[in-house]
Amino acid sequence: MAGHSKWANIQHRKGRQDDKRGKVWTRVIREIMVAARLGGGDLDTNPRLRLAVDKAKAANMPADTIKRNIDKATGSLEGVHYEEIRYEGYGFGGAAILVDCMTDNKVRTVAEVRHAFAKHGGHMGAEGSVAFQFKHCGQLIFAPGTNEDKVMEVALEAGADDVITDDDGTIEVLTPYTDLESVKNALESAGLKPELAEVTMRADNTIELTGDDAQKMQKLLDVLEDLDDTQEVFHNAEMDE
C-alpha cells in the first residue's frame, strides 16, 4: 500500500478531526458506550474499551464524562442504545468505501448515507460488495524520519505482523487487531511514539486518483465523515493533495 501521499492524507485527516472537536467527542462517547455494553465496564478486561478511553483522553475529554458514559452503557445510568452498522459503496475511479456508523435510528442513518453517496457522485453498494477488499487489523503510523530499523525490531518482537515503509517515508506497523495495545505499549516503551494507533479496516490494494477525480473523491469522503451517525470512513483511494 505504498503511496506518495500517505503522510499528507494522515495530516489532512488529523487536521479535520482537530477542527471538529465536538464531533470527535460524540464519536468517542458512542464508541465507549458500545464497547462497555458489549464487553463490560472494566478497563482491565475490555481492550476495546481501553482503546476508546485512550481516544477520549487524547481528545481532552473529562474523566467524569468518560465514567458517566461507561455507567450508562453498563446499566448504572439510563442511556441511549446505539447499534453498529456498516455501509459499503464506491467512489470515483471505482474506489471502495466503508462507512461505519453507530445509530439509534437505522432508517434515518441509511437514508442519510445513501443520499450522501448519490448527491456527491458515489454509489452505495450491497452488503459485502467492497468489504472483502479490506483487512480488519491494528495499524500504527510513524512519521517520515523515524528510525525504521528500530521500529521493525521492536514491533516484530512484540508480535506485529508486518512493518511497511511507504514511498514518502511513512512507517506502518500492522498487527492483529487484538494485539494493537500490546504492540503500541512495547513501541512506546522503546521511545517510539506513533502518530496514529488504531484498529482499522486497511485496504489490500489502492486506487490512485488525481486532479478533478481526487478533489471530488475527497469531497465525498468529507461529506460521509460529517454525517452525525458516522464513526469512521475507510477507503482505498490514494489522492494528490
C-alpha atoms as a PDB file:
ATOM      1  CA  MET A   1       0.000   0.000   0.000  1.00  0.00           C
ATOM      2  CA  ALA A   2       2.894   2.350  -0.738  1.00  0.00           C
ATOM      3  CA  GLY A   3       1.824   5.827  -1.723  1.00  0.00           C
ATOM      4  CA  HIS A   4       3.409   9.234  -2.090  1.00  0.00           C
ATOM      5  CA  SER A   5       0.539  10.994  -0.357  1.00  0.00           C
ATOM      6  CA  LYS A   6       0.055   8.818   2.736  1.00  0.00           C
ATOM      7  CA  TRP A   7       1.565  11.235   5.257  1.00  0.00           C
ATOM      8  CA  ALA A   8      -0.248  14.201   3.724  1.00  0.00           C
ATOM      9  CA  ASN A   9      -3.509  12.272   3.838  1.00  0.00           C
ATOM     10  CA  ILE A  10      -2.951  11.402   7.505  1.00  0.00           C
ATOM     11  CA  GLN A  11      -2.237  15.026   8.369  1.00  0.00           C
ATOM     12  CA  HIS A  12      -5.348  16.141   6.452  1.00  0.00           C
ATOM     13  CA  ARG A  13      -7.442  13.692   8.439  1.00  0.00           C
ATOM     14  CA  LYS A  14      -5.951  14.754  11.771  1.00  0.00           C
ATOM     15  CA  GLY A  15      -6.482  18.408  10.892  1.00  0.00           C
ATOM     16  CA  ARG A  16     -10.147  17.783  10.157  1.00  0.00           C
ATOM     17  CA  GLN A  17     -10.515  15.951  13.460  1.00  0.00           C
ATOM     18  CA  ASP A  18      -8.877  18.806  15.365  1.00  0.00           C
ATOM     19  CA  ASP A  19     -11.241  21.276  13.691  1.00  0.00           C
ATOM     20  CA  LYS A  20     -14.246  19.241  14.791  1.00  0.00           C
ATOM     21  CA  ARG A  21     -13.539  18.565  18.464  1.00  0.00           C
ATOM     22  CA  GLY A  22     -17.238  18.408  19.328  1.00  0.00           C
ATOM     23  CA  LYS A  23     -17.843  15.749  16.682  1.00  0.00           C
ATOM     24  CA  VAL A  24     -14.809  13.802  17.912  1.00  0.00           C
ATOM     25  CA  TRP A  25     -16.277  13.732  21.416  1.00  0.00           C
ATOM     26  CA  THR A  26     -19.619  12.498  20.100  1.00  0.00           C
ATOM     27  CA  ARG A  27     -17.940   9.666  18.199  1.00  0.00           C
ATOM     28  CA  VAL A  28     -15.743   8.660  21.111  1.00  0.00           C
ATOM     29  CA  ILE A  29     -18.682   8.643  23.536  1.00  0.00           C
ATOM     30  CA  ARG A  30     -20.578   6.310  21.216  1.00  0.00           C
ATOM     31  CA  GLU A  31     -17.544   4.034  20.944  1.00  0.00           C
ATOM     32  CA  ILE A  32     -17.162   3.996  24.747  1.00  0.00           C
ATOM     33  CA  MET A  33     -20.837   3.112  25.190  1.00  0.00           C
ATOM     34  CA  VAL A  34     -20.838   0.296  22.633  1.00  0.00           C
ATOM     35  CA  ALA A  35     -17.532  -1.116  23.900  1.00  0.00           C
ATOM     36  CA  ALA A  36     -18.765  -1.041  27.503  1.00  0.00           C
ATOM     37  CA  ARG A  37     -22.132  -2.558  26.599  1.00  0.00           C
ATOM     38  CA  LEU A  38     -20.524  -5.434  24.687  1.00  0.00           C
ATOM     39  CA  GLY A  39     -17.525  -6.124  26.900  1.00  0.00           C
ATOM     40  CA  GLY A  40     -18.344  -4.632  30.304  1.00  0.00           C
ATOM     41  CA  GLY A  41     -17.080  -1.544  32.059  1.00  0.00           C
ATOM     42  CA  ASP A  42     -13.793  -2.944  33.419  1.00  0.00           C
ATOM     43  CA  LEU A  43     -10.847  -1.451  31.521  1.00  0.00           C
ATOM     44  CA  ASP A  44      -8.579  -4.303  32.633  1.00  0.00           C
ATOM     45  CA  THR A  45     -10.681  -6.943  30.872  1.00  0.00           C
ATOM     46  CA  ASN A  46     -12.071  -4.928  27.938  1.00  0.00           C
ATOM     47  CA  PRO A  47      -9.345  -3.921  25.449  1.00  0.00           C
ATOM     48  CA  ARG A  48     -11.810  -2.237  23.096  1.00  0.00           C
ATOM     49  CA  LEU A  49     -12.986  -0.015  25.933  1.00  0.00           C
ATOM     50  CA  ARG A  50      -9.376   0.777  26.893  1.00  0.00           C
ATOM     51  CA  LEU A  51      -8.691   1.997  23.353  1.00  0.00           C
ATOM     52  CA  ALA A  52     -11.857   4.087  23.364  1.00  0.00           C
ATOM     53  CA  VAL A  53     -10.915   5.658  26.699  1.00  0.00           C
ATOM     54  CA  ASP A  54      -7.423   6.385  25.351  1.00  0.00           C
ATOM     55  CA  LYS A  55      -9.042   8.222  22.423  1.00  0.00           C
ATOM     56  CA  ALA A  56     -11.235  10.152  24.829  1.00  0.00           C
ATOM     57  CA  LYS A  57      -8.256  11.231  26.918  1.00  0.00           C
ATOM     58  CA  ALA A  58      -6.343  12.239  23.783  1.00  0.00           C
ATOM     59  CA  ALA A  59      -9.318  14.455  22.885  1.00  0.00           C
ATOM     60  CA  ASN A  60      -9.149  16.026  26.370  1.00  0.00           C
ATOM     61  CA  MET A  61     -12.463  14.557  27.500  1.00  0.00           C
ATOM     62  CA  PRO A  62     -13.003  14.945  31.276  1.00  0.00           C
ATOM     63  CA  ALA A  63     -12.739  11.782  33.359  1.00  0.00           C
ATOM     64  CA  ASP A  64     -16.246  12.219  34.792  1.00  0.00           C
ATOM     65  CA  THR A  65     -17.693  12.356  31.256  1.00  0.00           C
ATOM     66  CA  ILE A  66     -15.910   9.116  30.403  1.00  0.00           C
ATOM     67  CA  LYS A  67     -17.133   7.395  33.577  1.00  0.00           C
ATOM     68  CA  ARG A  68     -20.713   8.633  33.145  1.00  0.00           C
ATOM     69  CA  ASN A  69     -20.954   7.146  29.657  1.00  0.00           C
ATOM     70  CA  ILE A  70     -19.473   3.832  30.768  1.00  0.00           C
ATOM     71  CA  ASP A  71     -22.080   3.741  33.533  1.00  0.00           C
ATOM     72  CA  LYS A  72     -24.855   4.490  31.045  1.00  0.00           C
ATOM     73  CA  ALA A  73     -23.777   1.645  28.803  1.00  0.00           C
ATOM     74  CA  THR A  74     -23.463  -0.895  31.596  1.00  0.00           C
ATOM     75  CA  GLY A  75     -26.862  -0.089  33.051  1.00  0.00           C
ATOM     76  CA  SER A  76     -25.819   2.020  36.012  1.00  0.00           C
ATOM     77  CA  LEU A  77     -27.467   5.046  34.390  1.00  0.00           C
ATOM     78  CA  GLU A  78     -30.213   5.381  31.813  1.00  0.00           C
ATOM     79  CA  GLY A  79     -28.764   5.881  28.336  1.00  0.00           C
ATOM     80  CA  VAL A  80     -29.387   5.688  24.600  1.00  0.00           C
ATOM     81  CA  HIS A  81     -28.918   2.305  22.922  1.00  0.00           C
ATOM     82  CA  TYR A  82     -26.624   2.546  19.890  1.00  0.00           C
ATOM     83  CA  GLU A  83     -26.228  -0.116  17.210  1.00  0.00           C
ATOM     84  CA  GLU A  84     -23.204  -0.593  14.995  1.00  0.00           C
ATOM     85  CA  ILE A  85     -23.866  -0.795  11.275  1.00  0.00           C
ATOM     86  CA  ARG A  86     -21.602  -0.699   8.216  1.00  0.00           C
ATOM     87  CA  TYR A  87     -22.466   0.636   4.773  1.00  0.00           C
ATOM     88  CA  GLU A  88     -20.453  -0.089   1.644  1.00  0.00           C
ATOM     89  CA  GLY A  89     -20.105   1.741  -1.634  1.00  0.00           C
ATOM     90  CA  TYR A  90     -17.977   3.114  -4.434  1.00  0.00           C
ATOM     91  CA  GLY A  91     -16.457   6.497  -5.102  1.00  0.00           C
ATOM     92  CA  PHE A  92     -14.629   7.901  -8.099  1.00  0.00           C
ATOM     93  CA  GLY A  93     -12.481   5.601 -10.215  1.00  0.00           C
ATOM     94  CA  GLY A  94     -14.168   2.593  -8.634  1.00  0.00           C
ATOM     95  CA  ALA A  95     -12.565   3.327  -5.243  1.00  0.00           C
ATOM     96  CA  ALA A  96     -14.065   1.263  -2.418  1.00  0.00           C
ATOM     97  CA  ILE A  97     -15.587   2.965   0.641  1.00  0.00           C
ATOM     98  CA  LEU A  98     -16.725   1.618   4.017  1.00  0.00           C
ATOM     99  CA  VAL A  99     -18.813   3.816   6.315  1.00  0.00           C
ATOM    100  CA  ASP A 100     -19.029   2.595   9.913  1.00  0.00           C
ATOM    101  CA  CYS A 101     -21.898   4.136  11.865  1.00  0.00           C
ATOM    102  CA  MET A 102     -23.384   3.979  15.342  1.00  0.00           C
ATOM    103  CA  THR A 103     -27.033   4.866  15.430  1.00  0.00           C
ATOM    104  CA  ASP A 104     -30.208   4.791  17.468  1.00  0.00           C
ATOM    105  CA  ASN A 105     -32.269   5.009  14.248  1.00  0.00           C
ATOM    106  CA  LYS A 106     -31.155   2.820  11.345  1.00  0.00           C
ATOM    107  CA  VAL A 107     -33.847   4.141   8.986  1.00  0.00           C
ATOM    108  CA  ARG A 108     -32.543   7.688   9.369  1.00  0.00           C
ATOM    109  CA  THR A 109     -28.913   6.654   9.046  1.00  0.00           C
ATOM    110  CA  VAL A 110     -29.226   4.579   5.891  1.00  0.00           C
ATOM    111  CA  ALA A 111     -31.207   7.383   4.217  1.00  0.00           C
ATOM    112  CA  GLU A 112     -28.505   9.929   5.053  1.00  0.00           C
ATOM    113  CA  VAL A 113     -25.658   7.694   3.860  1.00  0.00           C
ATOM    114  CA  ARG A 114     -27.461   6.804   0.625  1.00  0.00           C
ATOM    115  CA  HIS A 115     -28.210  10.481  -0.050  1.00  0.00           C
ATOM    116  CA  ALA A 116     -24.567  11.458   0.539  1.00  0.00           C
ATOM    117  CA  PHE A 117     -23.309   8.835  -1.911  1.00  0.00           C
ATOM    118  CA  ALA A 118     -25.874   9.771  -4.573  1.00  0.00           C
ATOM    119  CA  LYS A 119     -25.508  13.550  -4.279  1.00  0.00           C
ATOM    120  CA  HIS A 120     -21.711  13.560  -4.432  1.00  0.00           C
ATOM    121  CA  GLY A 121     -21.025  11.143  -7.269  1.00  0.00           C
ATOM    122  CA  GLY A 122     -20.698   7.874  -5.409  1.00  0.00           C
ATOM    123  CA  HIS A 123     -22.760   4.706  -5.429  1.00  0.00           C
ATOM    124  CA  MET A 124     -23.974   2.793  -2.394  1.00  0.00           C
ATOM    125  CA  GLY A 125     -23.453  -0.936  -2.727  1.00  0.00           C
ATOM    126  CA  ALA A 126     -24.898  -4.048  -1.149  1.00  0.00           C
ATOM    127  CA  GLU A 127     -23.526  -5.663   1.998  1.00  0.00           C
ATOM    128  CA  GLY A 128     -20.268  -7.431   1.155  1.00  0.00           C
ATOM    129  CA  SER A 129     -19.757  -5.568  -2.123  1.00  0.00           C
ATOM    130  CA  VAL A 130     -16.430  -3.993  -1.103  1.00  0.00           C
ATOM    131  CA  ALA A 131     -15.635  -5.166   2.451  1.00  0.00           C
ATOM    132  CA  PHE A 132     -13.647  -8.128   1.112  1.00  0.00           C
ATOM    133  CA  GLN A 133     -11.041  -5.636  -0.147  1.00  0.00           C
ATOM    134  CA  PHE A 134     -10.162  -4.610   3.427  1.00  0.00           C
ATOM    135  CA  LYS A 135      -8.468  -6.321   6.364  1.00  0.00           C
ATOM    136  CA  HIS A 136      -9.516  -5.782   9.993  1.00  0.00           C
ATOM    137  CA  CYS A 137      -6.240  -5.078  11.785  1.00  0.00           C
ATOM    138  CA  GLY A 138      -4.311  -2.831  14.121  1.00  0.00           C
ATOM    139  CA  GLN A 139      -2.312  -0.047  12.496  1.00  0.00           C
ATOM    140  CA  LEU A 140       0.350   2.239  13.931  1.00  0.00           C
ATOM    141  CA  ILE A 141       1.750   5.113  11.855  1.00  0.00           C
ATOM    142  CA  PHE A 142       5.155   6.726  12.391  1.00  0.00           C
ATOM    143  CA  ALA A 143       6.286   9.976  10.821  1.00  0.00           C
ATOM    144  CA  PRO A 144       8.848  10.049   7.993  1.00  0.00           C
ATOM    145  CA  GLY A 145      12.320  10.132   9.508  1.00  0.00           C
ATOM    146  CA  THR A 146      11.560   7.675  12.324  1.00  0.00           C
ATOM    147  CA  ASN A 147      14.243   5.011  12.807  1.00  0.00           C
ATOM    148  CA  GLU A 148      12.899   2.235  10.590  1.00  0.00           C
ATOM    149  CA  ASP A 149      15.254  -0.480  11.865  1.00  0.00           C
ATOM    150  CA  LYS A 150      14.346   0.207  15.483  1.00  0.00           C
ATOM    151  CA  VAL A 151      10.608   0.242  14.734  1.00  0.00           C
ATOM    152  CA  MET A 152      10.908  -3.063  12.881  1.00  0.00           C
ATOM    153  CA  GLU A 153      12.958  -4.732  15.609  1.00  0.00           C
ATOM    154  CA  VAL A 154      10.655  -3.707  18.466  1.00  0.00           C
ATOM    155  CA  ALA A 155       7.389  -4.218  16.584  1.00  0.00           C
ATOM    156  CA  LEU A 156       8.118  -7.695  15.278  1.00  0.00           C
ATOM    157  CA  GLU A 157       9.465  -8.798  18.662  1.00  0.00           C
ATOM    158  CA  ALA A 158       6.191  -7.588  20.223  1.00  0.00           C
ATOM    159  CA  GLY A 159       4.060  -9.627  17.799  1.00  0.00           C
ATOM    160  CA  ALA A 160       3.359  -7.305  14.856  1.00  0.00           C
ATOM    161  CA  ASP A 161       2.505  -8.936  11.532  1.00  0.00           C
ATOM    162  CA  ASP A 162       4.408  -6.544   9.272  1.00  0.00           C
ATOM    163  CA  VAL A 163       6.302  -3.257   9.061  1.00  0.00           C
ATOM    164  CA  ILE A 164       5.982  -1.279   5.812  1.00  0.00           C
ATOM    165  CA  THR A 165       7.834   1.855   4.755  1.00  0.00           C
ATOM    166  CA  ASP A 166       5.843   3.844   2.207  1.00  0.00           C
ATOM    167  CA  ASP A 167       7.226   5.914  -0.642  1.00  0.00           C
ATOM    168  CA  ASP A 168       7.128   9.130   1.390  1.00  0.00           C
ATOM    169  CA  GLY A 169       8.948   7.600   4.374  1.00  0.00           C
ATOM    170  CA  THR A 170       5.843   6.948   6.467  1.00  0.00           C
ATOM    171  CA  ILE A 171       6.251   3.751   8.502  1.00  0.00           C
ATOM    172  CA  GLU A 172       3.243   1.490   9.061  1.00  0.00           C
ATOM    173  CA  VAL A 173       3.166  -1.238  11.675  1.00  0.00           C
ATOM    174  CA  LEU A 174       0.385  -3.787  11.152  1.00  0.00           C
ATOM    175  CA  THR A 175      -0.810  -6.032  13.967  1.00  0.00           C
ATOM    176  CA  PRO A 176      -3.638  -8.448  14.677  1.00  0.00           C
ATOM    177  CA  TYR A 177      -6.422  -6.145  15.870  1.00  0.00           C
ATOM    178  CA  THR A 178      -6.414  -7.887  19.252  1.00  0.00           C
ATOM    179  CA  ASP A 179      -2.693  -7.128  19.755  1.00  0.00           C
ATOM    180  CA  LEU A 180      -2.652  -3.427  18.911  1.00  0.00           C
ATOM    181  CA  GLU A 181      -2.411  -2.293  22.518  1.00  0.00           C
ATOM    182  CA  SER A 182       0.460  -4.605  23.480  1.00  0.00           C
ATOM    183  CA  VAL A 183       2.500  -3.693  20.378  1.00  0.00           C
ATOM    184  CA  LYS A 184       1.831   0.011  20.960  1.00  0.00           C
ATOM    185  CA  ASN A 185       2.987  -0.276  24.574  1.00  0.00           C
ATOM    186  CA  ALA A 186       6.184  -2.053  23.520  1.00  0.00           C
ATOM    187  CA  LEU A 187       6.994   0.620  20.940  1.00  0.00           C
ATOM    188  CA  GLU A 188       6.306   3.487  23.327  1.00  0.00           C
ATOM    189  CA  SER A 189       8.442   1.827  25.999  1.00  0.00           C
ATOM    190  CA  ALA A 190      11.280   1.859  23.449  1.00  0.00           C
ATOM    191  CA  GLY A 191      10.800   5.604  22.898  1.00  0.00           C
ATOM    192  CA  LEU A 192       8.855   5.196  19.645  1.00  0.00           C
ATOM    193  CA  LYS A 193       5.587   7.141  19.839  1.00  0.00           C
ATOM    194  CA  PRO A 194       3.243   6.616  16.887  1.00  0.00           C
ATOM    195  CA  GLU A 195       1.421   9.496  15.245  1.00  0.00           C
ATOM    196  CA  LEU A 196      -1.636   7.280  14.960  1.00  0.00           C
ATOM    197  CA  ALA A 197      -2.615   3.975  16.584  1.00  0.00           C
ATOM    198  CA  GLU A 198      -5.989   2.428  15.869  1.00  0.00           C
ATOM    199  CA  VAL A 199      -7.958  -0.638  14.933  1.00  0.00           C
ATOM    200  CA  THR A 200      -8.842  -0.098  11.297  1.00  0.00           C
ATOM    201  CA  MET A 201     -10.053  -1.602   8.047  1.00  0.00           C
ATOM    202  CA  ARG A 202      -6.943  -1.451   5.854  1.00  0.00           C
ATOM    203  CA  ALA A 203      -7.285  -1.740   2.092  1.00  0.00           C
ATOM    204  CA  ASP A 204      -5.427  -4.633   0.441  1.00  0.00           C
ATOM    205  CA  ASN A 205      -4.807  -2.539  -2.680  1.00  0.00           C
ATOM    206  CA  THR A 206      -5.220   1.128  -3.534  1.00  0.00           C
ATOM    207  CA  ILE A 207      -6.529   3.157  -6.462  1.00  0.00           C
ATOM    208  CA  GLU A 208      -4.644   6.344  -7.320  1.00  0.00           C
ATOM    209  CA  LEU A 209      -6.794   9.373  -8.084  1.00  0.00           C
ATOM    210  CA  THR A 210      -5.527  12.697  -9.404  1.00  0.00           C
ATOM    211  CA  GLY A 211      -6.911  16.080 -10.398  1.00  0.00           C
ATOM    212  CA  ASP A 212     -10.670  16.500 -10.539  1.00  0.00           C
ATOM    213  CA  ASP A 213     -11.401  12.902  -9.509  1.00  0.00           C
ATOM    214  CA  ALA A 214      -9.228  13.301  -6.404  1.00  0.00           C
ATOM    215  CA  GLN A 215     -10.994  16.526  -5.415  1.00  0.00           C
ATOM    216  CA  LYS A 216     -14.446  15.021  -5.925  1.00  0.00           C
ATOM    217  CA  MET A 217     -13.476  11.896  -4.006  1.00  0.00           C
ATOM    218  CA  GLN A 218     -12.223  13.962  -1.076  1.00  0.00           C
ATOM    219  CA  LYS A 219     -15.477  15.927  -1.073  1.00  0.00           C
ATOM    220  CA  LEU A 220     -17.499  12.691  -0.980  1.00  0.00           C
ATOM    221  CA  LEU A 221     -15.387  11.370   1.896  1.00  0.00           C
ATOM    222  CA  ASP A 222     -15.703  14.645   3.802  1.00  0.00           C
ATOM    223  CA  VAL A 223     -19.496  14.612   3.448  1.00  0.00           C
ATOM    224  CA  LEU A 224     -19.715  10.995   4.625  1.00  0.00           C
ATOM    225  CA  GLU A 225     -17.437  11.725   7.597  1.00  0.00           C
ATOM    226  CA  ASP A 226     -19.557  14.732   8.580  1.00  0.00           C
ATOM    227  CA  LEU A 227     -22.796  12.731   8.911  1.00  0.00           C
ATOM    228  CA  ASP A 228     -23.992  12.719  12.506  1.00  0.00           C
ATOM    229  CA  ASP A 229     -24.005   8.933  12.828  1.00  0.00           C
ATOM    230  CA  THR A 230     -20.659   8.262  11.143  1.00  0.00           C
ATOM    231  CA  GLN A 231     -17.880   6.869  13.310  1.00  0.00           C
ATOM    232  CA  GLU A 232     -15.234   6.043  10.690  1.00  0.00           C
ATOM    233  CA  VAL A 233     -14.843   6.127   6.913  1.00  0.00           C
ATOM    234  CA  PHE A 234     -12.355   3.746   5.283  1.00  0.00           C
ATOM    235  CA  HIS A 235     -11.377   3.777   1.615  1.00  0.00           C
ATOM    236  CA  ASN A 236      -8.717   2.563  -0.792  1.00  0.00           C
ATOM    237  CA  ALA A 237      -8.048   5.805  -2.683  1.00  0.00           C
ATOM    238  CA  GLU A 238      -4.608   7.427  -2.851  1.00  0.00           C
ATOM    239  CA  MET A 239      -5.121  11.082  -3.674  1.00  0.00           C
ATOM    240  CA  ASP A 240      -2.979  14.046  -4.620  1.00  0.00           C
ATOM    241  CA  GLU A 241      -3.077  16.884  -2.145  1.00  0.00           C
END
